[in-house]
Amino acid sequence: MTPSAGTAHGQFTLQREYASAPARVYAAWAEPEQKARWFVGPEDWQLIERRLDLRVGGEELLHGRFGANGRETLFRARYHLVEPGARLVYVYDMNVGARHHSVSLATVEFLPRGDGTTLRFTEQVVFVDGTPAGEGTRSREHGTAAHLDRMAGLLAL
């Protein structure tokens, strides 16, 4: 048996206020065409494959490649709780290159706020490839924040 690369745990919560009703914000998450507009990699990232089956037991996959270095990323999720317009709970694996990078439990809450929505995203992550907890958590939080900011742009249309 080869020695473990080490494990490190992190957690973060992000909150965003959107002027759209919870059903609209949820639709941006649940409808494949809408999600494809905000759940993407950075600028030099190219899509290889995308799938979304948003139901209990359903899977989501986002596979892409960075143009500059050819490194691939693979996000593979399984949904455990789906309450349309209210809450999602899913577990996902993240692979970077040939490395299994992390496993996460994510909770998304769509909370009514007047005519709008407070979206609260909480992630508990274990890095399984030796990534230090602080560095990995900061990077994951930054990437998730960028996704949620892109969602705001879609909702503003």
C-alpha atoms as a PDB file:
ATOM      1  CA  MET A   1       0.000   0.000   0.000  1.00  0.00           C
ATOM      2  CA  THR A   2       1.353   3.427  -0.906  1.00  0.00           C
ATOM      3  CA  PRO A   3       1.421   6.108   1.786  1.00  0.00           C
ATOM      4  CA  SER A   4      -1.380   8.661   1.870  1.00  0.00           C
ATOM      5  CA  ALA A   5      -0.752  12.139   0.488  1.00  0.00           C
ATOM      6  CA  GLY A   6      -2.398  13.527   3.619  1.00  0.00           C
ATOM      7  CA  THR A   7      -5.792  14.990   4.328  1.00  0.00           C
ATOM      8  CA  ALA A   8      -6.816  18.479   5.304  1.00  0.00           C
ATOM      9  CA  HIS A   9     -10.279  19.823   6.097  1.00  0.00           C
ATOM     10  CA  GLY A  10     -11.855  23.184   5.403  1.00  0.00           C
ATOM     11  CA  GLN A  11     -15.232  24.868   5.499  1.00  0.00           C
ATOM     12  CA  PHE A  12     -16.706  28.124   4.258  1.00  0.00           C
ATOM     13  CA  THR A  13     -20.069  29.824   3.794  1.00  0.00           C
ATOM     14  CA  LEU A  14     -20.868  32.403   1.134  1.00  0.00           C
ATOM     15  CA  GLN A  15     -23.991  34.503   1.008  1.00  0.00           C
ATOM     16  CA  ARG A  16     -25.369  36.473  -1.919  1.00  0.00           C
ATOM     17  CA  GLU A  17     -28.415  38.724  -2.225  1.00  0.00           C
ATOM     18  CA  TYR A  18     -30.270  38.532  -5.530  1.00  0.00           C
ATOM     19  CA  ALA A  19     -33.204  40.726  -6.611  1.00  0.00           C
ATOM     20  CA  SER A  20     -34.932  37.672  -8.142  1.00  0.00           C
ATOM     21  CA  ALA A  21     -37.442  35.412  -6.366  1.00  0.00           C
ATOM     22  CA  PRO A  22     -36.202  32.048  -4.986  1.00  0.00           C
ATOM     23  CA  ALA A  23     -37.886  30.134  -7.844  1.00  0.00           C
ATOM     24  CA  ARG A  24     -35.920  32.181 -10.405  1.00  0.00           C
ATOM     25  CA  VAL A  25     -32.593  31.768  -8.567  1.00  0.00           C
ATOM     26  CA  TYR A  26     -33.257  28.044  -8.213  1.00  0.00           C
ATOM     27  CA  ALA A  27     -34.017  27.812 -11.954  1.00  0.00           C
ATOM     28  CA  ALA A  28     -30.616  29.362 -12.707  1.00  0.00           C
ATOM     29  CA  TRP A  29     -29.119  26.469 -10.732  1.00  0.00           C
ATOM     30  CA  ALA A  30     -31.450  23.702 -11.938  1.00  0.00           C
ATOM     31  CA  GLU A  31     -31.924  24.319 -15.665  1.00  0.00           C
ATOM     32  CA  PRO A  32     -28.945  23.048 -17.694  1.00  0.00           C
ATOM     33  CA  GLU A  33     -29.003  25.898 -20.244  1.00  0.00           C
ATOM     34  CA  GLN A  34     -28.969  28.530 -17.505  1.00  0.00           C
ATOM     35  CA  LYS A  35     -26.379  26.805 -15.326  1.00  0.00           C
ATOM     36  CA  ALA A  36     -24.071  26.475 -18.348  1.00  0.00           C
ATOM     37  CA  ARG A  37     -23.917  30.280 -18.480  1.00  0.00           C
ATOM     38  CA  TRP A  38     -22.447  30.745 -14.982  1.00  0.00           C
ATOM     39  CA  PHE A  39     -21.010  27.397 -13.784  1.00  0.00           C
ATOM     40  CA  VAL A  40     -17.856  27.382 -15.908  1.00  0.00           C
ATOM     41  CA  GLY A  41     -14.115  27.481 -15.464  1.00  0.00           C
ATOM     42  CA  PRO A  42     -11.931  30.595 -15.705  1.00  0.00           C
ATOM     43  CA  GLU A  43     -11.332  32.447 -18.947  1.00  0.00           C
ATOM     44  CA  ASP A  44      -8.780  30.044 -20.481  1.00  0.00           C
ATOM     45  CA  TRP A  45     -10.798  26.951 -19.518  1.00  0.00           C
ATOM     46  CA  GLN A  46     -12.524  24.962 -22.281  1.00  0.00           C
ATOM     47  CA  LEU A  47     -15.530  22.673 -21.847  1.00  0.00           C
ATOM     48  CA  ILE A  48     -15.121  18.971 -22.635  1.00  0.00           C
ATOM     49  CA  GLU A  49     -18.380  17.598 -21.208  1.00  0.00           C
ATOM     50  CA  ARG A  50     -21.323  18.801 -19.112  1.00  0.00           C
ATOM     51  CA  ARG A  51     -24.304  16.870 -17.682  1.00  0.00           C
ATOM     52  CA  LEU A  52     -26.952  17.785 -15.105  1.00  0.00           C
ATOM     53  CA  ASP A  53     -29.611  15.446 -13.689  1.00  0.00           C
ATOM     54  CA  LEU A  54     -31.013  17.447 -10.769  1.00  0.00           C
ATOM     55  CA  ARG A  55     -32.998  14.919  -8.738  1.00  0.00           C
ATOM     56  CA  VAL A  56     -32.281  12.874  -5.608  1.00  0.00           C
ATOM     57  CA  GLY A  57     -29.653  10.376  -6.741  1.00  0.00           C
ATOM     58  CA  GLY A  58     -29.029  12.374  -9.919  1.00  0.00           C
ATOM     59  CA  GLU A  59     -25.538  13.318 -11.026  1.00  0.00           C
ATOM     60  CA  GLU A  60     -23.848  16.398 -12.354  1.00  0.00           C
ATOM     61  CA  LEU A  61     -20.602  16.423 -14.290  1.00  0.00           C
ATOM     62  CA  LEU A  62     -18.433  19.290 -15.480  1.00  0.00           C
ATOM     63  CA  HIS A  63     -15.241  18.317 -17.299  1.00  0.00           C
ATOM     64  CA  GLY A  64     -12.905  20.851 -18.857  1.00  0.00           C
ATOM     65  CA  ARG A  65      -9.344  21.692 -19.821  1.00  0.00           C
ATOM     66  CA  PHE A  66      -7.147  24.741 -19.351  1.00  0.00           C
ATOM     67  CA  GLY A  67      -5.920  26.019 -22.708  1.00  0.00           C
ATOM     68  CA  ALA A  68      -2.546  27.249 -21.467  1.00  0.00           C
ATOM     69  CA  ASN A  69      -1.278  24.024 -19.900  1.00  0.00           C
ATOM     70  CA  GLY A  70      -3.780  21.355 -21.002  1.00  0.00           C
ATOM     71  CA  ARG A  71      -4.543  20.392 -17.385  1.00  0.00           C
ATOM     72  CA  GLU A  72      -8.029  18.926 -17.011  1.00  0.00           C
ATOM     73  CA  THR A  73     -10.555  19.405 -14.212  1.00  0.00           C
ATOM     74  CA  LEU A  74     -13.414  17.048 -13.412  1.00  0.00           C
ATOM     75  CA  PHE A  75     -16.308  17.944 -11.091  1.00  0.00           C
ATOM     76  CA  ARG A  76     -18.641  14.991 -10.384  1.00  0.00           C
ATOM     77  CA  ALA A  77     -21.590  15.449  -8.001  1.00  0.00           C
ATOM     78  CA  ARG A  78     -24.464  13.348  -6.659  1.00  0.00           C
ATOM     79  CA  TYR A  79     -27.562  15.091  -5.312  1.00  0.00           C
ATOM     80  CA  HIS A  80     -28.850  13.857  -1.945  1.00  0.00           C
ATOM     81  CA  LEU A  81     -31.586  16.419  -1.217  1.00  0.00           C
ATOM     82  CA  VAL A  82     -33.530  18.427  -3.785  1.00  0.00           C
ATOM     83  CA  GLU A  83     -36.214  20.835  -2.559  1.00  0.00           C
ATOM     84  CA  PRO A  84     -37.093  23.019  -5.580  1.00  0.00           C
ATOM     85  CA  GLY A  85     -36.828  26.699  -4.788  1.00  0.00           C
ATOM     86  CA  ALA A  86     -35.651  26.013  -1.235  1.00  0.00           C
ATOM     87  CA  ARG A  87     -32.573  23.792  -0.758  1.00  0.00           C
ATOM     88  CA  LEU A  88     -30.031  21.490  -2.420  1.00  0.00           C
ATOM     89  CA  VAL A  89     -27.541  19.148  -0.756  1.00  0.00           C
ATOM     90  CA  TYR A  90     -24.927  17.338  -2.810  1.00  0.00           C
ATOM     91  CA  VAL A  91     -21.575  15.634  -2.478  1.00  0.00           C
ATOM     92  CA  TYR A  92     -18.914  16.139  -5.107  1.00  0.00           C
ATOM     93  CA  ASP A  93     -15.462  14.952  -6.065  1.00  0.00           C
ATOM     94  CA  MET A  94     -12.949  17.246  -7.731  1.00  0.00           C
ATOM     95  CA  ASN A  95     -10.120  15.882  -9.832  1.00  0.00           C
ATOM     96  CA  VAL A  96      -7.322  18.081 -11.138  1.00  0.00           C
ATOM     97  CA  GLY A  97      -5.227  16.439 -13.807  1.00  0.00           C
ATOM     98  CA  ALA A  98      -4.898  12.759 -12.879  1.00  0.00           C
ATOM     99  CA  ARG A  99      -5.143  13.607  -9.150  1.00  0.00           C
ATOM    100  CA  HIS A 100      -8.172  13.132  -6.896  1.00  0.00           C
ATOM    101  CA  HIS A 101      -8.053  16.567  -5.283  1.00  0.00           C
ATOM    102  CA  SER A 102     -11.025  16.770  -2.890  1.00  0.00           C
ATOM    103  CA  VAL A 103     -14.398  15.544  -1.688  1.00  0.00           C
ATOM    104  CA  SER A 104     -17.028  18.067  -0.583  1.00  0.00           C
ATOM    105  CA  LEU A 105     -20.455  18.267   0.986  1.00  0.00           C
ATOM    106  CA  ALA A 106     -22.290  21.343  -0.320  1.00  0.00           C
ATOM    107  CA  THR A 107     -25.562  22.886   0.843  1.00  0.00           C
ATOM    108  CA  VAL A 108     -27.346  25.592  -1.134  1.00  0.00           C
ATOM    109  CA  GLU A 109     -30.225  27.455   0.522  1.00  0.00           C
ATOM    110  CA  PHE A 110     -32.585  29.747  -1.405  1.00  0.00           C
ATOM    111  CA  LEU A 111     -34.049  31.980   1.323  1.00  0.00           C
ATOM    112  CA  PRO A 112     -36.874  34.452   0.543  1.00  0.00           C
ATOM    113  CA  ARG A 113     -35.959  38.087   1.276  1.00  0.00           C
ATOM    114  CA  GLY A 114     -38.732  40.502   0.355  1.00  0.00           C
ATOM    115  CA  ASP A 115     -39.104  40.212  -3.434  1.00  0.00           C
ATOM    116  CA  GLY A 116     -35.642  38.707  -3.704  1.00  0.00           C
ATOM    117  CA  THR A 117     -33.504  35.847  -2.453  1.00  0.00           C
ATOM    118  CA  THR A 118     -30.649  35.323  -0.065  1.00  0.00           C
ATOM    119  CA  LEU A 119     -28.582  32.444  -1.391  1.00  0.00           C
ATOM    120  CA  ARG A 120     -26.448  30.760   1.270  1.00  0.00           C
ATOM    121  CA  PHE A 121     -23.822  28.280   0.063  1.00  0.00           C
ATOM    122  CA  THR A 122     -21.952  26.187   2.641  1.00  0.00           C
ATOM    123  CA  GLU A 123     -19.184  23.750   1.760  1.00  0.00           C
ATOM    124  CA  GLN A 124     -17.307  21.284   3.936  1.00  0.00           C
ATOM    125  CA  VAL A 125     -14.291  19.940   2.071  1.00  0.00           C
ATOM    126  CA  VAL A 126     -11.539  17.395   2.617  1.00  0.00           C
ATOM    127  CA  PHE A 127      -8.455  17.753   0.445  1.00  0.00           C
ATOM    128  CA  VAL A 128      -7.057  14.271  -0.187  1.00  0.00           C
ATOM    129  CA  ASP A 129      -3.991  15.095  -2.266  1.00  0.00           C
ATOM    130  CA  GLY A 130      -1.824  16.874   0.290  1.00  0.00           C
ATOM    131  CA  THR A 131      -3.176  20.364  -0.405  1.00  0.00           C
ATOM    132  CA  PRO A 132      -2.897  22.448   2.794  1.00  0.00           C
ATOM    133  CA  ALA A 133      -6.294  23.280   4.336  1.00  0.00           C
ATOM    134  CA  GLY A 134      -5.869  27.057   4.308  1.00  0.00           C
ATOM    135  CA  GLU A 135      -4.599  27.268   0.742  1.00  0.00           C
ATOM    136  CA  GLY A 136      -7.186  24.814  -0.603  1.00  0.00           C
ATOM    137  CA  THR A 137     -10.117  26.369   1.230  1.00  0.00           C
ATOM    138  CA  ARG A 138      -9.194  29.906   0.108  1.00  0.00           C
ATOM    139  CA  SER A 139      -8.916  28.737  -3.492  1.00  0.00           C
ATOM    140  CA  ARG A 140     -12.240  26.853  -3.383  1.00  0.00           C
ATOM    141  CA  GLU A 141     -14.013  29.788  -1.736  1.00  0.00           C
ATOM    142  CA  HIS A 142     -12.613  32.181  -4.352  1.00  0.00           C
ATOM    143  CA  GLY A 143     -13.765  29.926  -7.222  1.00  0.00           C
ATOM    144  CA  THR A 144     -17.236  29.459  -5.745  1.00  0.00           C
ATOM    145  CA  ALA A 145     -17.592  33.211  -5.203  1.00  0.00           C
ATOM    146  CA  ALA A 146     -16.742  33.773  -8.879  1.00  0.00           C
ATOM    147  CA  HIS A 147     -19.486  31.301  -9.888  1.00  0.00           C
ATOM    148  CA  LEU A 148     -22.059  33.056  -7.686  1.00  0.00           C
ATOM    149  CA  ASP A 149     -21.039  36.452  -9.073  1.00  0.00           C
ATOM    150  CA  ARG A 150     -21.507  35.147 -12.635  1.00  0.00           C
ATOM    151  CA  MET A 151     -24.951  33.890 -11.567  1.00  0.00           C
ATOM    152  CA  ALA A 152     -25.787  37.451 -10.488  1.00  0.00           C
ATOM    153  CA  GLY A 153     -25.029  38.602 -14.042  1.00  0.00           C
ATOM    154  CA  LEU A 154     -27.400  36.006 -15.475  1.00  0.00           C
ATOM    155  CA  LEU A 155     -30.157  36.935 -13.014  1.00  0.00           C
ATOM    156  CA  ALA A 156     -29.781  40.632 -13.884  1.00  0.00           C
ATOM    157  CA  LEU A 157     -30.764  40.005 -17.537  1.00  0.00           C
END
